[in-house]
PDB file of N, CA and C in Angstrom:
ATOM      1  N   MET A   1      14.742 -41.944 -46.844  1.00  0.00           N
ATOM      2  CA  MET A   1      14.420 -40.770 -46.489  1.00  0.00           C
ATOM      3  C   MET A   1      14.477 -40.722 -44.856  1.00  0.00           C
ATOM      4  N   LYS A   2      15.138 -39.620 -44.322  1.00  0.00           N
ATOM      5  CA  LYS A   2      15.099 -39.643 -42.925  1.00  0.00           C
ATOM      6  C   LYS A   2      13.875 -39.355 -42.276  1.00  0.00           C
ATOM      7  N   ASN A   3      13.466 -39.907 -41.112  1.00  0.00           N
ATOM      8  CA  ASN A   3      12.324 -39.566 -40.391  1.00  0.00           C
ATOM      9  C   ASN A   3      12.477 -38.567 -39.354  1.00  0.00           C
ATOM     10  N   ILE A   4      12.549 -37.432 -39.791  1.00  0.00           N
ATOM     11  CA  ILE A   4      12.815 -36.169 -38.984  1.00  0.00           C
ATOM     12  C   ILE A   4      11.658 -36.062 -37.992  1.00  0.00           C
ATOM     13  N   ARG A   5      10.396 -36.263 -38.358  1.00  0.00           N
ATOM     14  CA  ARG A   5       9.160 -36.077 -37.592  1.00  0.00           C
ATOM     15  C   ARG A   5       9.268 -37.022 -36.403  1.00  0.00           C
ATOM     16  N   LEU A   6       9.726 -38.286 -36.567  1.00  0.00           N
ATOM     17  CA  LEU A   6       9.803 -39.309 -35.525  1.00  0.00           C
ATOM     18  C   LEU A   6      10.878 -38.654 -34.468  1.00  0.00           C
ATOM     19  N   LYS A   7      12.097 -38.176 -34.880  1.00  0.00           N
ATOM     20  CA  LYS A   7      12.984 -37.722 -34.024  1.00  0.00           C
ATOM     21  C   LYS A   7      12.629 -36.507 -33.231  1.00  0.00           C
ATOM     22  N   LEU A   8      11.850 -35.492 -33.934  1.00  0.00           N
ATOM     23  CA  LEU A   8      11.301 -34.460 -33.281  1.00  0.00           C
ATOM     24  C   LEU A   8      10.319 -34.870 -32.230  1.00  0.00           C
ATOM     25  N   ALA A   9       9.456 -35.747 -32.543  1.00  0.00           N
ATOM     26  CA  ALA A   9       8.368 -36.146 -31.535  1.00  0.00           C
ATOM     27  C   ALA A   9       9.020 -36.810 -30.308  1.00  0.00           C
ATOM     28  N   ARG A  10      10.035 -37.520 -30.551  1.00  0.00           N
ATOM     29  CA  ARG A  10      10.778 -38.227 -29.507  1.00  0.00           C
ATOM     30  C   ARG A  10      11.420 -37.156 -28.647  1.00  0.00           C
ATOM     31  N   VAL A  11      12.124 -36.188 -29.179  1.00  0.00           N
ATOM     32  CA  VAL A  11      12.828 -35.075 -28.426  1.00  0.00           C
ATOM     33  C   VAL A  11      11.647 -34.335 -27.535  1.00  0.00           C
ATOM     34  N   GLU A  12      10.612 -34.047 -28.310  1.00  0.00           N
ATOM     35  CA  GLU A  12       9.562 -33.308 -27.539  1.00  0.00           C
ATOM     36  C   GLU A  12       9.106 -34.066 -26.345  1.00  0.00           C
ATOM     37  N   LYS A  13       9.007 -35.269 -26.401  1.00  0.00           N
ATOM     38  CA  LYS A  13       8.600 -36.044 -25.141  1.00  0.00           C
ATOM     39  C   LYS A  13       9.849 -36.271 -24.233  1.00  0.00           C
ATOM     40  N   ASP A  14      11.119 -35.819 -24.593  1.00  0.00           N
ATOM     41  CA  ASP A  14      12.234 -35.745 -23.766  1.00  0.00           C
ATOM     42  C   ASP A  14      12.695 -37.238 -23.533  1.00  0.00           C
ATOM     43  N   LEU A  15      12.625 -38.059 -24.660  1.00  0.00           N
ATOM     44  CA  LEU A  15      13.015 -39.451 -24.587  1.00  0.00           C
ATOM     45  C   LEU A  15      14.296 -39.611 -25.469  1.00  0.00           C
ATOM     46  N   SER A  16      15.232 -40.446 -24.934  1.00  0.00           N
ATOM     47  CA  SER A  16      16.397 -40.865 -25.669  1.00  0.00           C
ATOM     48  C   SER A  16      15.931 -41.993 -26.603  1.00  0.00           C
ATOM     49  N   GLN A  17      16.790 -42.291 -27.564  1.00  0.00           N
ATOM     50  CA  GLN A  17      16.455 -43.489 -28.477  1.00  0.00           C
ATOM     51  C   GLN A  17      16.327 -44.722 -27.662  1.00  0.00           C
ATOM     52  N   GLU A  18      17.184 -44.852 -26.527  1.00  0.00           N
ATOM     53  CA  GLU A  18      17.151 -46.021 -25.719  1.00  0.00           C
ATOM     54  C   GLU A  18      15.861 -46.088 -24.995  1.00  0.00           C
ATOM     55  N   GLU A  19      15.294 -44.869 -24.328  1.00  0.00           N
ATOM     56  CA  GLU A  19      14.096 -44.922 -23.645  1.00  0.00           C
ATOM     57  C   GLU A  19      12.941 -45.302 -24.622  1.00  0.00           C
ATOM     58  N   LEU A  20      12.899 -44.745 -25.725  1.00  0.00           N
ATOM     59  CA  LEU A  20      11.816 -45.007 -26.581  1.00  0.00           C
ATOM     60  C   LEU A  20      11.855 -46.390 -27.003  1.00  0.00           C
ATOM     61  N   ALA A  21      12.995 -47.028 -27.280  1.00  0.00           N
ATOM     62  CA  ALA A  21      13.110 -48.412 -27.707  1.00  0.00           C
ATOM     63  C   ALA A  21      12.603 -49.359 -26.558  1.00  0.00           C
ATOM     64  N   GLN A  22      12.915 -48.997 -25.405  1.00  0.00           N
ATOM     65  CA  GLN A  22      12.428 -49.805 -24.179  1.00  0.00           C
ATOM     66  C   GLN A  22      10.958 -49.854 -24.070  1.00  0.00           C
ATOM     67  N   LEU A  23      10.281 -48.677 -24.356  1.00  0.00           N
ATOM     68  CA  LEU A  23       8.839 -48.518 -24.301  1.00  0.00           C
ATOM     69  C   LEU A  23       8.210 -49.326 -25.333  1.00  0.00           C
ATOM     70  N   VAL A  24       8.831 -49.617 -26.514  1.00  0.00           N
ATOM     71  CA  VAL A  24       8.183 -50.212 -27.570  1.00  0.00           C
ATOM     72  C   VAL A  24       8.764 -51.621 -27.846  1.00  0.00           C
ATOM     73  N   GLY A  25       9.713 -51.965 -27.040  1.00  0.00           N
ATOM     74  CA  GLY A  25      10.345 -53.334 -27.080  1.00  0.00           C
ATOM     75  C   GLY A  25      11.175 -53.716 -28.172  1.00  0.00           C
ATOM     76  N   VAL A  26      11.947 -52.772 -28.585  1.00  0.00           N
ATOM     77  CA  VAL A  26      12.934 -52.912 -29.703  1.00  0.00           C
ATOM     78  C   VAL A  26      14.447 -52.472 -29.096  1.00  0.00           C
ATOM     79  N   SER A  27      15.451 -52.706 -29.879  1.00  0.00           N
ATOM     80  CA  SER A  27      16.841 -52.177 -29.534  1.00  0.00           C
ATOM     81  C   SER A  27      16.846 -50.695 -29.812  1.00  0.00           C
ATOM     82  N   ARG A  28      17.850 -49.998 -29.183  1.00  0.00           N
ATOM     83  CA  ARG A  28      18.109 -48.698 -29.450  1.00  0.00           C
ATOM     84  C   ARG A  28      18.563 -48.470 -30.992  1.00  0.00           C
ATOM     85  N   GLN A  29      19.297 -49.427 -31.505  1.00  0.00           N
ATOM     86  CA  GLN A  29      19.675 -49.335 -32.897  1.00  0.00           C
ATOM     87  C   GLN A  29      18.546 -49.481 -33.782  1.00  0.00           C
ATOM     88  N   THR A  30      17.511 -49.944 -33.535  1.00  0.00           N
ATOM     89  CA  THR A  30      16.315 -50.064 -34.352  1.00  0.00           C
ATOM     90  C   THR A  30      15.695 -48.700 -34.525  1.00  0.00           C
ATOM     91  N   ILE A  31      15.612 -47.946 -33.343  1.00  0.00           N
ATOM     92  CA  ILE A  31      15.016 -46.636 -33.366  1.00  0.00           C
ATOM     93  C   ILE A  31      16.000 -45.796 -34.222  1.00  0.00           C
ATOM     94  N   GLY A  32      17.228 -45.910 -34.097  1.00  0.00           N
ATOM     95  CA  GLY A  32      18.265 -45.083 -34.763  1.00  0.00           C
ATOM     96  C   GLY A  32      18.119 -45.316 -36.227  1.00  0.00           C
ATOM     97  N   LEU A  33      17.947 -46.560 -36.651  1.00  0.00           N
ATOM     98  CA  LEU A  33      17.877 -46.917 -38.103  1.00  0.00           C
ATOM     99  C   LEU A  33      16.452 -46.325 -38.559  1.00  0.00           C
ATOM    100  N   ILE A  34      15.390 -46.371 -37.846  1.00  0.00           N
ATOM    101  CA  ILE A  34      14.185 -45.913 -38.340  1.00  0.00           C
ATOM    102  C   ILE A  34      14.336 -44.411 -38.649  1.00  0.00           C
ATOM    103  N   GLU A  35      14.980 -43.673 -37.638  1.00  0.00           N
ATOM    104  CA  GLU A  35      15.249 -42.168 -37.748  1.00  0.00           C
ATOM    105  C   GLU A  35      15.981 -41.868 -38.871  1.00  0.00           C
ATOM    106  N   LEU A  36      17.017 -42.789 -39.291  1.00  0.00           N
ATOM    107  CA  LEU A  36      17.849 -42.489 -40.394  1.00  0.00           C
ATOM    108  C   LEU A  36      17.211 -42.864 -41.753  1.00  0.00           C
ATOM    109  N   GLY A  37      16.010 -43.606 -41.600  1.00  0.00           N
ATOM    110  CA  GLY A  37      15.392 -44.026 -42.966  1.00  0.00           C
ATOM    111  C   GLY A  37      16.050 -45.260 -43.448  1.00  0.00           C
ATOM    112  N   LYS A  38      16.785 -46.050 -42.601  1.00  0.00           N
ATOM    113  CA  LYS A  38      17.527 -47.230 -43.149  1.00  0.00           C
ATOM    114  C   LYS A  38      16.663 -48.540 -42.669  1.00  0.00           C
ATOM    115  N   TYR A  39      15.525 -48.398 -42.085  1.00  0.00           N
ATOM    116  CA  TYR A  39      14.929 -49.624 -41.516  1.00  0.00           C
ATOM    117  C   TYR A  39      13.369 -49.150 -41.703  1.00  0.00           C
ATOM    118  N   ASN A  40      12.547 -50.112 -42.307  1.00  0.00           N
ATOM    119  CA  ASN A  40      11.117 -49.853 -42.399  1.00  0.00           C
ATOM    120  C   ASN A  40      10.429 -50.845 -41.310  1.00  0.00           C
ATOM    121  N   PRO A  41       9.902 -50.092 -40.412  1.00  0.00           N
ATOM    122  CA  PRO A  41       9.270 -50.753 -39.169  1.00  0.00           C
ATOM    123  C   PRO A  41       7.972 -51.551 -39.679  1.00  0.00           C
ATOM    124  N   SER A  42       7.587 -52.543 -39.003  1.00  0.00           N
ATOM    125  CA  SER A  42       6.271 -53.184 -39.222  1.00  0.00           C
ATOM    126  C   SER A  42       5.232 -52.274 -38.754  1.00  0.00           C
ATOM    127  N   LEU A  43       3.994 -52.619 -39.230  1.00  0.00           N
ATOM    128  CA  LEU A  43       2.826 -51.707 -38.767  1.00  0.00           C
ATOM    129  C   LEU A  43       2.601 -51.697 -37.288  1.00  0.00           C
ATOM    130  N   SER A  44       2.871 -52.930 -36.682  1.00  0.00           N
ATOM    131  CA  SER A  44       2.676 -53.000 -35.264  1.00  0.00           C
ATOM    132  C   SER A  44       3.702 -52.199 -34.533  1.00  0.00           C
ATOM    133  N   LEU A  45       5.011 -52.184 -35.130  1.00  0.00           N
ATOM    134  CA  LEU A  45       5.875 -51.220 -34.345  1.00  0.00           C
ATOM    135  C   LEU A  45       5.552 -49.829 -34.522  1.00  0.00           C
ATOM    136  N   CYS A  46       5.141 -49.533 -35.861  1.00  0.00           N
ATOM    137  CA  CYS A  46       4.696 -48.109 -35.959  1.00  0.00           C
ATOM    138  C   CYS A  46       3.687 -47.606 -34.919  1.00  0.00           C
ATOM    139  N   VAL A  47       2.674 -48.462 -34.796  1.00  0.00           N
ATOM    140  CA  VAL A  47       1.599 -48.170 -33.914  1.00  0.00           C
ATOM    141  C   VAL A  47       2.158 -48.060 -32.458  1.00  0.00           C
ATOM    142  N   ALA A  48       2.922 -48.944 -32.097  1.00  0.00           N
ATOM    143  CA  ALA A  48       3.586 -48.807 -30.745  1.00  0.00           C
ATOM    144  C   ALA A  48       4.345 -47.554 -30.592  1.00  0.00           C
ATOM    145  N   ILE A  49       5.151 -47.237 -31.502  1.00  0.00           N
ATOM    146  CA  ILE A  49       5.773 -45.999 -31.424  1.00  0.00           C
ATOM    147  C   ILE A  49       4.808 -44.718 -31.265  1.00  0.00           C
ATOM    148  N   CYS A  50       3.867 -44.776 -32.125  1.00  0.00           N
ATOM    149  CA  CYS A  50       2.848 -43.632 -32.126  1.00  0.00           C
ATOM    150  C   CYS A  50       2.210 -43.476 -30.761  1.00  0.00           C
ATOM    151  N   LYS A  51       1.838 -44.767 -30.212  1.00  0.00           N
ATOM    152  CA  LYS A  51       1.261 -44.598 -28.866  1.00  0.00           C
ATOM    153  C   LYS A  51       2.137 -44.054 -27.825  1.00  0.00           C
ATOM    154  N   ALA A  52       3.435 -44.497 -27.845  1.00  0.00           N
ATOM    155  CA  ALA A  52       4.445 -44.078 -26.925  1.00  0.00           C
ATOM    156  C   ALA A  52       4.702 -42.666 -27.037  1.00  0.00           C
ATOM    157  N   LEU A  53       4.567 -41.989 -28.242  1.00  0.00           N
ATOM    158  CA  LEU A  53       4.736 -40.614 -28.442  1.00  0.00           C
ATOM    159  C   LEU A  53       3.551 -39.820 -28.530  1.00  0.00           C
ATOM    160  N   SER A  54       2.490 -40.434 -28.276  1.00  0.00           N
ATOM    161  CA  SER A  54       1.121 -39.691 -28.328  1.00  0.00           C
ATOM    162  C   SER A  54       0.894 -38.924 -29.843  1.00  0.00           C
ATOM    163  N   LYS A  55       1.226 -39.670 -30.827  1.00  0.00           N
ATOM    164  CA  LYS A  55       1.105 -39.199 -32.259  1.00  0.00           C
ATOM    165  C   LYS A  55       0.223 -40.213 -33.096  1.00  0.00           C
ATOM    166  N   THR A  56      -0.161 -39.712 -34.177  1.00  0.00           N
ATOM    167  CA  THR A  56      -0.758 -40.625 -35.125  1.00  0.00           C
ATOM    168  C   THR A  56       0.012 -41.178 -36.171  1.00  0.00           C
ATOM    169  N   LEU A  57      -0.351 -42.292 -36.946  1.00  0.00           N
ATOM    170  CA  LEU A  57       0.478 -42.740 -37.904  1.00  0.00           C
ATOM    171  C   LEU A  57       0.753 -41.620 -39.045  1.00  0.00           C
ATOM    172  N   ASN A  58      -0.247 -40.892 -39.293  1.00  0.00           N
ATOM    173  CA  ASN A  58       0.021 -39.816 -40.240  1.00  0.00           C
ATOM    174  C   ASN A  58       1.018 -38.764 -39.721  1.00  0.00           C
ATOM    175  N   ASP A  59       0.977 -38.455 -38.405  1.00  0.00           N
ATOM    176  CA  ASP A  59       2.027 -37.493 -37.954  1.00  0.00           C
ATOM    177  C   ASP A  59       3.366 -37.998 -38.169  1.00  0.00           C
ATOM    178  N   LEU A  60       3.685 -39.245 -37.951  1.00  0.00           N
ATOM    179  CA  LEU A  60       4.932 -39.747 -37.871  1.00  0.00           C
ATOM    180  C   LEU A  60       5.498 -40.412 -39.283  1.00  0.00           C
ATOM    181  N   PHE A  61       4.544 -41.188 -39.947  1.00  0.00           N
ATOM    182  CA  PHE A  61       4.955 -42.023 -40.981  1.00  0.00           C
ATOM    183  C   PHE A  61       4.461 -41.765 -42.291  1.00  0.00           C
ATOM    184  N   TRP A  62       3.505 -40.848 -42.418  1.00  0.00           N
ATOM    185  CA  TRP A  62       2.913 -40.643 -43.863  1.00  0.00           C
ATOM    186  C   TRP A  62       3.902 -39.677 -44.530  1.00  0.00           C
ATOM    187  N   GLU A  63       4.271 -40.053 -45.714  1.00  0.00           N
ATOM    188  CA  GLU A  63       5.068 -39.187 -46.544  1.00  0.00           C
ATOM    189  C   GLU A  63       4.114 -38.262 -47.374  1.00  0.00           C
ATOM    190  N   GLU A  64       4.493 -37.066 -47.437  1.00  0.00           N
ATOM    191  CA  GLU A  64       3.715 -36.082 -48.231  1.00  0.00           C
ATOM    192  C   GLU A  64       4.113 -35.974 -49.726  1.00  0.00           C
TER     193      GLU A  64
END
């Protein structure tokens, strides 16, 4: 399942996949795969992404 909320939050912050990846210490490809729903990030990576985007885990990763 694609993570549209992550992509929208990243775009709201005016960050490229590369810029977000640098902020959280992963590759651009990893961010791309998370957005496509093809990679399940660790909890620590989820938390780092949330902090970088000023969002909560529920905002970005909780499935409704």
